[in-house]
Amino acid sequence: MDETHESGHRHEAPQTASSRGKWVFAAFAAIAAFFLFTEHRAHLFGALPYLLLLACPLLHLFHHGGHGGHGGHGGAARDKTEGEGK
């Protein structure tokens, strides 16, 4: 927050309280993430094979939607141009 005094000089309020709060929160979040990972590691690694199996159909669904699905690789357009020359 800026304050203007009678002399016209501006003095900025120190930002140490909010900066210190951000560092404390970051440290707390890092500690919480560490303990959350170490305590639940067995559950996460136990579900990993199922997550990989679930990723296969999802990747197939989303990646094949980008180029028109199966069979849409330009075969029909090529057949039309070959038929015109005859």
Protein backbone atom coordinates (compact mmCIF):
# COMPACT_ATOMS: atom_id res chain seq x y z
CA MET A 1 0.00 0.00 0.00
CA ASP A 2 1.35 3.41 -0.90
CA GLU A 3 1.11 6.31 1.51
CA THR A 4 1.70 9.95 0.64
CA HIS A 5 2.89 12.31 3.39
CA GLU A 6 2.84 16.09 3.52
CA SER A 7 6.26 16.31 1.89
CA GLY A 8 4.97 14.51 -1.21
CA HIS A 9 7.27 11.51 -0.79
CA ARG A 10 5.70 8.10 -1.27
CA HIS A 11 6.53 5.33 1.17
CA GLU A 12 5.69 1.77 0.25
CA ALA A 13 4.46 -0.58 2.96
CA PRO A 14 6.71 -3.59 3.50
CA GLN A 15 5.61 -6.74 1.67
CA THR A 16 7.24 -9.11 4.17
CA ALA A 17 4.02 -10.33 5.80
CA SER A 18 2.40 -11.54 2.57
CA SER A 19 5.69 -12.84 1.20
CA ARG A 20 6.39 -14.74 4.41
CA GLY A 21 2.87 -16.18 4.32
CA LYS A 22 3.41 -17.46 0.79
CA TRP A 23 6.66 -19.18 1.81
CA VAL A 24 5.02 -20.75 4.86
CA PHE A 25 2.15 -22.03 2.73
CA ALA A 26 4.56 -23.41 0.11
CA ALA A 27 6.56 -25.22 2.81
CA PHE A 28 3.39 -26.63 4.38
CA ALA A 29 2.12 -27.80 0.96
CA ALA A 30 5.46 -29.47 0.18
CA ILE A 31 5.48 -31.31 3.52
CA ALA A 32 1.85 -32.37 3.07
CA ALA A 33 2.56 -33.62 -0.46
CA PHE A 34 5.57 -35.60 0.77
CA PHE A 35 3.60 -37.36 3.51
CA LEU A 36 0.61 -37.90 1.24
CA PHE A 37 2.84 -39.59 -1.34
CA THR A 38 4.78 -41.72 1.15
CA GLU A 39 1.70 -42.92 3.03
CA HIS A 40 -0.37 -43.72 -0.05
CA ARG A 41 2.37 -44.97 -2.36
CA ALA A 42 1.17 -48.59 -2.12
CA HIS A 43 -2.34 -47.59 -3.18
CA LEU A 44 -1.06 -45.53 -6.09
CA PHE A 45 1.29 -48.19 -7.41
CA GLY A 46 -1.38 -50.87 -6.92
CA ALA A 47 -3.77 -48.98 -9.19
CA LEU A 48 -1.14 -48.18 -11.82
CA PRO A 49 -1.73 -51.26 -14.04
CA TYR A 50 -5.46 -50.53 -14.13
CA LEU A 51 -4.81 -46.90 -14.99
CA LEU A 52 -2.59 -47.96 -17.89
CA LEU A 53 -5.28 -50.34 -19.16
CA LEU A 54 -7.84 -47.56 -18.88
CA ALA A 55 -5.56 -45.19 -20.79
CA CYS A 56 -5.46 -47.47 -23.86
CA PRO A 57 -9.10 -47.10 -24.96
CA LEU A 58 -9.12 -43.42 -24.02
CA LEU A 59 -6.04 -42.69 -26.12
CA HIS A 60 -7.50 -44.71 -28.97
CA LEU A 61 -10.75 -42.77 -28.77
CA PHE A 62 -9.18 -39.31 -28.64
CA HIS A 63 -6.30 -39.83 -31.07
CA HIS A 64 -8.36 -41.45 -33.81
CA GLY A 65 -10.95 -38.67 -33.63
CA GLY A 66 -8.41 -36.20 -35.00
CA HIS A 67 -7.98 -37.70 -38.47
CA GLY A 68 -11.45 -38.93 -39.28
CA GLY A 69 -11.32 -42.35 -37.69
CA HIS A 70 -10.48 -45.62 -39.42
CA GLY A 71 -10.67 -45.77 -43.20
CA GLY A 72 -10.63 -42.02 -43.73
CA HIS A 73 -7.09 -41.81 -45.06
CA GLY A 74 -7.91 -40.41 -48.47
CA GLY A 75 -8.71 -43.68 -50.26
CA ALA A 76 -12.08 -42.50 -51.64
CA ALA A 77 -10.65 -39.29 -53.10
CA ARG A 78 -7.85 -41.20 -54.82
CA ASP A 79 -10.37 -43.61 -56.42
CA LYS A 80 -12.42 -40.71 -57.86
CA THR A 81 -9.42 -39.09 -59.55
CA GLU A 82 -8.29 -42.39 -61.06
CA GLY A 83 -11.78 -42.98 -62.49
CA GLU A 84 -11.87 -39.64 -64.30
CA GLY A 85 -8.84 -40.42 -66.45
CA LYS A 86 -10.43 -43.53 -68.01
